[in-house]
Amino acid sequence: MKLKHFAIVLVTALCSCTGVKRIFDKPIVFDEERKLLTRQYIQEHYALDTDAITIIPKMIVLHWTVIPTLENSFNAFNEARLPSWRPDIKSASALNVSAHFLIDRDGTIHSLMPETTMGRHVIGLNYSAVGIENVGGTDEHPLTEAQLKSNIWLVKYLSKKYDIEYLIGHYEYPNFEGHPLWLEQDDGYRTEKEDPGPDFMKKVRDATKKFNFKPIPTKPQSDEN
């Protein structure tokens, strides 16, 4: 075996054994309008009088897009203002939804925005949460094994980089009402979520146990009988 060929084989083998992955930059629009809308969101929803749109990551939130392709998923996040087909949350803010990472169905990881810049992806918790979106999530386009592996890798990567306390699925966000990380001021602003599903979350949690994430708080009980 020639030395050059041996080196290529060795590098490939090492990458395979260590699970080394690349994060590809695919930035969404983050112009002055988006920055302004983000500051307004922070002031209106979190009652924080600040010009800073940076966060200290304490939580990772996993999502799915329910959109079957990478490009259409990306386009849903790209513009600064919320598109007309999201009337369900437009009354809360004109700021478009976004996440820090978008994982394609083949497992490719794309970085959409800086990890320490606030994105709108989870009610009440954006100010401390890194969001990971996954392309798909429907019966016709379920999340893939490749996506699972990339989510596990990315959670490990982020947890080594930041002091992450919680790993949650989007559907678990209501459990944090009343928690110190919960900042939402609008009691009427809530949505029902099911992404990315309990089975997917269990697999990611089982693979990242060594980080000893804190348990999800117990969901607040209603005062109604």
C-alpha atoms as a PDB file:
ATOM      1  CA  MET A   1       0.000   0.000   0.000  1.00  0.00           C
ATOM      2  CA  LYS A   2       1.360   3.400  -0.968  1.00  0.00           C
ATOM      3  CA  LEU A   3       1.988   5.862   1.869  1.00  0.00           C
ATOM      4  CA  LYS A   4      -0.464   8.481   0.533  1.00  0.00           C
ATOM      5  CA  HIS A   5      -3.236   5.929   0.129  1.00  0.00           C
ATOM      6  CA  PHE A   6      -2.522   4.564   3.622  1.00  0.00           C
ATOM      7  CA  ALA A   7      -2.861   8.063   5.108  1.00  0.00           C
ATOM      8  CA  ILE A   8      -6.256   8.565   3.444  1.00  0.00           C
ATOM      9  CA  VAL A   9      -7.468   5.194   4.698  1.00  0.00           C
ATOM     10  CA  LEU A  10      -6.200   5.977   8.208  1.00  0.00           C
ATOM     11  CA  VAL A  11      -7.953   9.361   8.358  1.00  0.00           C
ATOM     12  CA  THR A  12     -11.193   7.810   7.099  1.00  0.00           C
ATOM     13  CA  ALA A  13     -10.965   5.054   9.705  1.00  0.00           C
ATOM     14  CA  LEU A  14     -10.308   7.519  12.510  1.00  0.00           C
ATOM     15  CA  CYS A  15     -13.271   9.662  11.495  1.00  0.00           C
ATOM     16  CA  SER A  16     -15.461   6.585  11.389  1.00  0.00           C
ATOM     17  CA  CYS A  17     -14.363   5.411  14.834  1.00  0.00           C
ATOM     18  CA  THR A  18     -14.631   8.760  16.601  1.00  0.00           C
ATOM     19  CA  GLY A  19     -17.844   9.898  14.922  1.00  0.00           C
ATOM     20  CA  VAL A  20     -16.212  13.085  13.655  1.00  0.00           C
ATOM     21  CA  LYS A  21     -18.694  15.274  11.799  1.00  0.00           C
ATOM     22  CA  ARG A  22     -18.600  18.635  10.057  1.00  0.00           C
ATOM     23  CA  ILE A  23     -20.912  21.566  10.612  1.00  0.00           C
ATOM     24  CA  PHE A  24     -21.633  23.404   7.379  1.00  0.00           C
ATOM     25  CA  ASP A  25     -22.400  27.126   7.440  1.00  0.00           C
ATOM     26  CA  LYS A  26     -25.773  27.979   5.885  1.00  0.00           C
ATOM     27  CA  PRO A  27     -26.602  31.343   7.476  1.00  0.00           C
ATOM     28  CA  ILE A  28     -30.112  32.741   7.518  1.00  0.00           C
ATOM     29  CA  VAL A  29     -30.698  36.466   7.013  1.00  0.00           C
ATOM     30  CA  PHE A  30     -29.690  38.288  10.184  1.00  0.00           C
ATOM     31  CA  ASP A  31     -29.840  41.898   9.113  1.00  0.00           C
ATOM     32  CA  GLU A  32     -30.626  45.038  11.108  1.00  0.00           C
ATOM     33  CA  GLU A  33     -34.359  44.371  10.842  1.00  0.00           C
ATOM     34  CA  ARG A  34     -34.002  40.938  12.399  1.00  0.00           C
ATOM     35  CA  LYS A  35     -31.793  42.326  15.153  1.00  0.00           C
ATOM     36  CA  LEU A  36     -34.380  45.026  15.889  1.00  0.00           C
ATOM     37  CA  LEU A  37     -37.229  42.503  15.958  1.00  0.00           C
ATOM     38  CA  THR A  38     -35.187  40.260  18.247  1.00  0.00           C
ATOM     39  CA  ARG A  39     -34.565  43.122  20.694  1.00  0.00           C
ATOM     40  CA  GLN A  40     -38.259  43.979  20.632  1.00  0.00           C
ATOM     41  CA  TYR A  41     -39.151  40.342  21.315  1.00  0.00           C
ATOM     42  CA  ILE A  42     -36.808  40.243  24.316  1.00  0.00           C
ATOM     43  CA  GLN A  43     -38.250  43.452  25.742  1.00  0.00           C
ATOM     44  CA  GLU A  44     -41.914  42.579  25.139  1.00  0.00           C
ATOM     45  CA  HIS A  45     -41.894  38.890  26.058  1.00  0.00           C
ATOM     46  CA  TYR A  46     -39.119  38.714  28.628  1.00  0.00           C
ATOM     47  CA  ALA A  47     -39.343  42.226  30.147  1.00  0.00           C
ATOM     48  CA  LEU A  48     -35.592  42.651  29.792  1.00  0.00           C
ATOM     49  CA  ASP A  49     -34.468  46.196  29.046  1.00  0.00           C
ATOM     50  CA  THR A  50     -31.403  45.367  27.002  1.00  0.00           C
ATOM     51  CA  ASP A  51     -29.985  45.883  23.540  1.00  0.00           C
ATOM     52  CA  ALA A  52     -28.094  42.598  23.727  1.00  0.00           C
ATOM     53  CA  ILE A  53     -29.437  39.694  21.695  1.00  0.00           C
ATOM     54  CA  THR A  54     -26.801  37.273  22.927  1.00  0.00           C
ATOM     55  CA  ILE A  55     -27.584  34.309  25.166  1.00  0.00           C
ATOM     56  CA  ILE A  56     -25.706  32.110  27.612  1.00  0.00           C
ATOM     57  CA  PRO A  57     -26.725  28.578  26.527  1.00  0.00           C
ATOM     58  CA  LYS A  58     -28.181  26.527  29.366  1.00  0.00           C
ATOM     59  CA  MET A  59     -30.510  24.325  27.376  1.00  0.00           C
ATOM     60  CA  ILE A  60     -30.683  22.409  24.093  1.00  0.00           C
ATOM     61  CA  VAL A  61     -34.109  22.060  22.453  1.00  0.00           C
ATOM     62  CA  LEU A  62     -34.707  19.482  19.711  1.00  0.00           C
ATOM     63  CA  HIS A  63     -37.352  20.134  17.039  1.00  0.00           C
ATOM     64  CA  TRP A  64     -38.650  18.896  13.716  1.00  0.00           C
ATOM     65  CA  THR A  65     -39.729  21.139  10.835  1.00  0.00           C
ATOM     66  CA  VAL A  66     -42.578  18.988   9.413  1.00  0.00           C
ATOM     67  CA  ILE A  67     -41.207  20.150   6.036  1.00  0.00           C
ATOM     68  CA  PRO A  68     -39.772  17.328   3.889  1.00  0.00           C
ATOM     69  CA  THR A  69     -36.826  19.110   2.251  1.00  0.00           C
ATOM     70  CA  LEU A  70     -33.758  20.974   3.447  1.00  0.00           C
ATOM     71  CA  GLU A  71     -34.253  23.982   1.193  1.00  0.00           C
ATOM     72  CA  ASN A  72     -37.910  24.513   2.074  1.00  0.00           C
ATOM     73  CA  SER A  73     -37.083  24.105   5.759  1.00  0.00           C
ATOM     74  CA  PHE A  74     -34.283  26.644   5.388  1.00  0.00           C
ATOM     75  CA  ASN A  75     -36.548  29.039   3.522  1.00  0.00           C
ATOM     76  CA  ALA A  76     -39.066  28.886   6.366  1.00  0.00           C
ATOM     77  CA  PHE A  77     -36.436  30.352   8.724  1.00  0.00           C
ATOM     78  CA  ASN A  78     -34.493  32.559   6.350  1.00  0.00           C
ATOM     79  CA  GLU A  79     -36.374  35.869   6.229  1.00  0.00           C
ATOM     80  CA  ALA A  80     -36.388  38.290   9.147  1.00  0.00           C
ATOM     81  CA  ARG A  81     -40.169  38.601   9.314  1.00  0.00           C
ATOM     82  CA  LEU A  82     -42.608  35.789  10.009  1.00  0.00           C
ATOM     83  CA  PRO A  83     -44.210  34.513   6.786  1.00  0.00           C
ATOM     84  CA  SER A  84     -47.931  34.948   6.175  1.00  0.00           C
ATOM     85  CA  TRP A  85     -48.560  31.202   6.617  1.00  0.00           C
ATOM     86  CA  ARG A  86     -47.794  31.428  10.357  1.00  0.00           C
ATOM     87  CA  PRO A  87     -50.853  33.377  11.593  1.00  0.00           C
ATOM     88  CA  ASP A  88     -50.952  31.171  14.711  1.00  0.00           C
ATOM     89  CA  ILE A  89     -48.042  33.040  16.298  1.00  0.00           C
ATOM     90  CA  LYS A  90     -47.881  36.292  14.311  1.00  0.00           C
ATOM     91  CA  SER A  91     -49.885  38.216  16.908  1.00  0.00           C
ATOM     92  CA  ALA A  92     -47.103  37.573  19.438  1.00  0.00           C
ATOM     93  CA  SER A  93     -44.327  39.037  17.274  1.00  0.00           C
ATOM     94  CA  ALA A  94     -43.372  39.736  13.662  1.00  0.00           C
ATOM     95  CA  LEU A  95     -39.974  38.137  14.307  1.00  0.00           C
ATOM     96  CA  ASN A  96     -39.551  34.997  12.217  1.00  0.00           C
ATOM     97  CA  VAL A  97     -38.854  31.675  13.872  1.00  0.00           C
ATOM     98  CA  SER A  98     -35.337  30.303  13.628  1.00  0.00           C
ATOM     99  CA  ALA A  99     -32.962  27.789  15.137  1.00  0.00           C
ATOM    100  CA  HIS A 100     -29.228  27.574  15.477  1.00  0.00           C
ATOM    101  CA  PHE A 101     -28.860  24.294  13.591  1.00  0.00           C
ATOM    102  CA  LEU A 102     -30.764  22.457  10.868  1.00  0.00           C
ATOM    103  CA  ILE A 103     -30.112  18.748  10.297  1.00  0.00           C
ATOM    104  CA  ASP A 104     -30.986  17.282   6.903  1.00  0.00           C
ATOM    105  CA  ARG A 105     -32.476  13.809   6.513  1.00  0.00           C
ATOM    106  CA  ASP A 106     -29.073  12.429   5.484  1.00  0.00           C
ATOM    107  CA  GLY A 107     -27.608  13.676   8.781  1.00  0.00           C
ATOM    108  CA  THR A 108     -25.779  16.708   7.396  1.00  0.00           C
ATOM    109  CA  ILE A 109     -25.575  19.448  10.036  1.00  0.00           C
ATOM    110  CA  HIS A 110     -26.057  23.052   8.954  1.00  0.00           C
ATOM    111  CA  SER A 111     -25.357  26.095  11.130  1.00  0.00           C
ATOM    112  CA  LEU A 112     -28.007  28.759  10.534  1.00  0.00           C
ATOM    113  CA  MET A 113     -26.930  31.380  13.080  1.00  0.00           C
ATOM    114  CA  PRO A 114     -24.389  31.909  15.879  1.00  0.00           C
ATOM    115  CA  GLU A 115     -24.871  29.611  18.864  1.00  0.00           C
ATOM    116  CA  THR A 116     -24.941  32.546  21.310  1.00  0.00           C
ATOM    117  CA  THR A 117     -27.431  34.710  19.402  1.00  0.00           C
ATOM    118  CA  MET A 118     -31.078  34.409  20.422  1.00  0.00           C
ATOM    119  CA  GLY A 119     -33.445  32.734  18.008  1.00  0.00           C
ATOM    120  CA  ARG A 120     -37.215  32.364  18.251  1.00  0.00           C
ATOM    121  CA  HIS A 121     -37.855  28.641  18.547  1.00  0.00           C
ATOM    122  CA  VAL A 122     -39.313  27.841  21.986  1.00  0.00           C
ATOM    123  CA  ILE A 123     -41.814  29.900  23.981  1.00  0.00           C
ATOM    124  CA  GLY A 124     -40.511  31.230  27.280  1.00  0.00           C
ATOM    125  CA  LEU A 125     -37.016  29.778  26.981  1.00  0.00           C
ATOM    126  CA  ASN A 126     -35.339  31.346  23.941  1.00  0.00           C
ATOM    127  CA  TYR A 127     -33.056  33.479  26.090  1.00  0.00           C
ATOM    128  CA  SER A 128     -31.092  30.441  27.278  1.00  0.00           C
ATOM    129  CA  ALA A 129     -31.783  27.828  24.600  1.00  0.00           C
ATOM    130  CA  VAL A 130     -29.908  26.516  21.569  1.00  0.00           C
ATOM    131  CA  GLY A 131     -32.345  25.130  18.996  1.00  0.00           C
ATOM    132  CA  ILE A 132     -31.734  22.135  16.741  1.00  0.00           C
ATOM    133  CA  GLU A 133     -34.255  21.624  13.929  1.00  0.00           C
ATOM    134  CA  ASN A 134     -34.595  18.391  11.961  1.00  0.00           C
ATOM    135  CA  VAL A 135     -35.943  18.271   8.409  1.00  0.00           C
ATOM    136  CA  GLY A 136     -39.153  16.239   8.231  1.00  0.00           C
ATOM    137  CA  GLY A 137     -41.043  14.689  11.103  1.00  0.00           C
ATOM    138  CA  THR A 138     -44.243  13.555   9.379  1.00  0.00           C
ATOM    139  CA  ASP A 139     -45.568  10.026   8.824  1.00  0.00           C
ATOM    140  CA  GLU A 140     -44.423  10.284   5.204  1.00  0.00           C
ATOM    141  CA  HIS A 141     -41.008  11.726   6.123  1.00  0.00           C
ATOM    142  CA  PRO A 142     -40.108  10.510   9.633  1.00  0.00           C
ATOM    143  CA  LEU A 143     -36.853  11.443  11.289  1.00  0.00           C
ATOM    144  CA  THR A 144     -34.027   9.171  10.138  1.00  0.00           C
ATOM    145  CA  GLU A 145     -31.316   7.153  11.835  1.00  0.00           C
ATOM    146  CA  ALA A 146     -28.767   9.522  10.297  1.00  0.00           C
ATOM    147  CA  GLN A 147     -30.531  12.464  11.926  1.00  0.00           C
ATOM    148  CA  LEU A 148     -30.574  10.666  15.274  1.00  0.00           C
ATOM    149  CA  LYS A 149     -26.817  10.120  15.125  1.00  0.00           C
ATOM    150  CA  SER A 150     -26.219  13.767  14.177  1.00  0.00           C
ATOM    151  CA  ASN A 151     -28.428  15.017  17.006  1.00  0.00           C
ATOM    152  CA  ILE A 152     -26.465  12.891  19.472  1.00  0.00           C
ATOM    153  CA  TRP A 153     -23.166  14.165  18.098  1.00  0.00           C
ATOM    154  CA  LEU A 154     -24.328  17.791  18.165  1.00  0.00           C
ATOM    155  CA  VAL A 155     -25.675  17.535  21.722  1.00  0.00           C
ATOM    156  CA  LYS A 156     -22.296  16.165  22.815  1.00  0.00           C
ATOM    157  CA  TYR A 157     -20.459  18.901  20.920  1.00  0.00           C
ATOM    158  CA  LEU A 158     -22.534  21.681  22.492  1.00  0.00           C
ATOM    159  CA  SER A 159     -22.394  20.161  25.970  1.00  0.00           C
ATOM    160  CA  LYS A 160     -18.613  20.113  25.885  1.00  0.00           C
ATOM    161  CA  LYS A 161     -18.583  23.740  24.762  1.00  0.00           C
ATOM    162  CA  TYR A 162     -21.196  25.232  27.122  1.00  0.00           C
ATOM    163  CA  ASP A 163     -22.565  24.591  30.598  1.00  0.00           C
ATOM    164  CA  ILE A 164     -25.740  22.891  29.362  1.00  0.00           C
ATOM    165  CA  GLU A 165     -28.162  22.014  32.139  1.00  0.00           C
ATOM    166  CA  TYR A 166     -31.171  20.696  30.216  1.00  0.00           C
ATOM    167  CA  LEU A 167     -31.814  18.666  27.078  1.00  0.00           C
ATOM    168  CA  ILE A 168     -35.475  18.806  26.055  1.00  0.00           C
ATOM    169  CA  GLY A 169     -37.834  18.089  23.215  1.00  0.00           C
ATOM    170  CA  HIS A 170     -39.939  20.996  22.017  1.00  0.00           C
ATOM    171  CA  TYR A 171     -43.063  19.297  23.385  1.00  0.00           C
ATOM    172  CA  GLU A 172     -41.622  19.502  26.909  1.00  0.00           C
ATOM    173  CA  TYR A 173     -41.318  23.309  27.079  1.00  0.00           C
ATOM    174  CA  PRO A 174     -44.581  23.870  29.085  1.00  0.00           C
ATOM    175  CA  ASN A 175     -43.019  21.978  32.009  1.00  0.00           C
ATOM    176  CA  PHE A 176     -40.726  24.948  32.598  1.00  0.00           C
ATOM    177  CA  GLU A 177     -43.439  27.477  33.479  1.00  0.00           C
ATOM    178  CA  GLY A 178     -42.404  28.927  36.823  1.00  0.00           C
ATOM    179  CA  HIS A 179     -38.810  27.738  36.422  1.00  0.00           C
ATOM    180  CA  PRO A 180     -35.997  30.331  36.775  1.00  0.00           C
ATOM    181  CA  LEU A 181     -35.193  29.965  33.055  1.00  0.00           C
ATOM    182  CA  TRP A 182     -38.827  30.720  32.100  1.00  0.00           C
ATOM    183  CA  LEU A 183     -39.245  34.375  31.084  1.00  0.00           C
ATOM    184  CA  GLU A 184     -42.485  34.571  29.084  1.00  0.00           C
ATOM    185  CA  GLN A 185     -44.673  37.512  30.192  1.00  0.00           C
ATOM    186  CA  ASP A 186     -47.692  36.778  27.979  1.00  0.00           C
ATOM    187  CA  ASP A 187     -49.882  34.191  29.714  1.00  0.00           C
ATOM    188  CA  GLY A 188     -51.929  33.767  26.550  1.00  0.00           C
ATOM    189  CA  TYR A 189     -48.992  32.903  24.309  1.00  0.00           C
ATOM    190  CA  ARG A 190     -48.754  29.109  24.220  1.00  0.00           C
ATOM    191  CA  THR A 191     -48.759  26.496  21.459  1.00  0.00           C
ATOM    192  CA  GLU A 192     -49.129  22.712  21.614  1.00  0.00           C
ATOM    193  CA  LYS A 193     -46.101  20.812  20.318  1.00  0.00           C
ATOM    194  CA  GLU A 194     -45.186  17.161  19.899  1.00  0.00           C
ATOM    195  CA  ASP A 195     -41.770  17.358  18.231  1.00  0.00           C
ATOM    196  CA  PRO A 196     -39.487  15.503  18.055  1.00  0.00           C
ATOM    197  CA  GLY A 197     -41.397  12.803  19.963  1.00  0.00           C
ATOM    198  CA  PRO A 198     -40.673  10.818  23.166  1.00  0.00           C
ATOM    199  CA  ASP A 199     -38.999   7.896  21.369  1.00  0.00           C
ATOM    200  CA  PHE A 200     -36.501  10.150  19.604  1.00  0.00           C
ATOM    201  CA  MET A 201     -35.766  12.025  22.830  1.00  0.00           C
ATOM    202  CA  LYS A 202     -35.212   8.803  24.762  1.00  0.00           C
ATOM    203  CA  LYS A 203     -32.637   7.620  22.243  1.00  0.00           C
ATOM    204  CA  VAL A 204     -30.763  10.935  22.362  1.00  0.00           C
ATOM    205  CA  ARG A 205     -30.888  11.017  26.162  1.00  0.00           C
ATOM    206  CA  ASP A 206     -29.693   7.419  26.465  1.00  0.00           C
ATOM    207  CA  ALA A 207     -26.694   8.258  24.267  1.00  0.00           C
ATOM    208  CA  THR A 208     -25.788  11.407  26.229  1.00  0.00           C
ATOM    209  CA  LYS A 209     -26.253  10.185  29.824  1.00  0.00           C
ATOM    210  CA  LYS A 210     -22.679  11.008  30.767  1.00  0.00           C
ATOM    211  CA  PHE A 211     -23.504  14.734  30.744  1.00  0.00           C
ATOM    212  CA  ASN A 212     -25.950  14.274  33.640  1.00  0.00           C
ATOM    213  CA  PHE A 213     -28.525  16.732  32.369  1.00  0.00           C
ATOM    214  CA  LYS A 214     -31.010  17.877  34.988  1.00  0.00           C
ATOM    215  CA  PRO A 215     -34.423  16.152  34.968  1.00  0.00           C
ATOM    216  CA  ILE A 216     -37.325  17.927  33.299  1.00  0.00           C
ATOM    217  CA  PRO A 217     -39.420  19.819  35.876  1.00  0.00           C
ATOM    218  CA  THR A 218     -42.824  18.443  36.746  1.00  0.00           C
ATOM    219  CA  LYS A 219     -45.524  20.128  34.667  1.00  0.00           C
ATOM    220  CA  PRO A 220     -47.398  22.744  36.705  1.00  0.00           C
ATOM    221  CA  GLN A 221     -50.811  21.538  37.823  1.00  0.00           C
ATOM    222  CA  SER A 222     -53.942  23.511  36.962  1.00  0.00           C
ATOM    223  CA  ASP A 223     -55.830  25.192  39.800  1.00  0.00           C
ATOM    224  CA  GLU A 224     -59.082  24.023  38.246  1.00  0.00           C
ATOM    225  CA  ASN A 225     -60.888  20.995  39.718  1.00  0.00           C
END
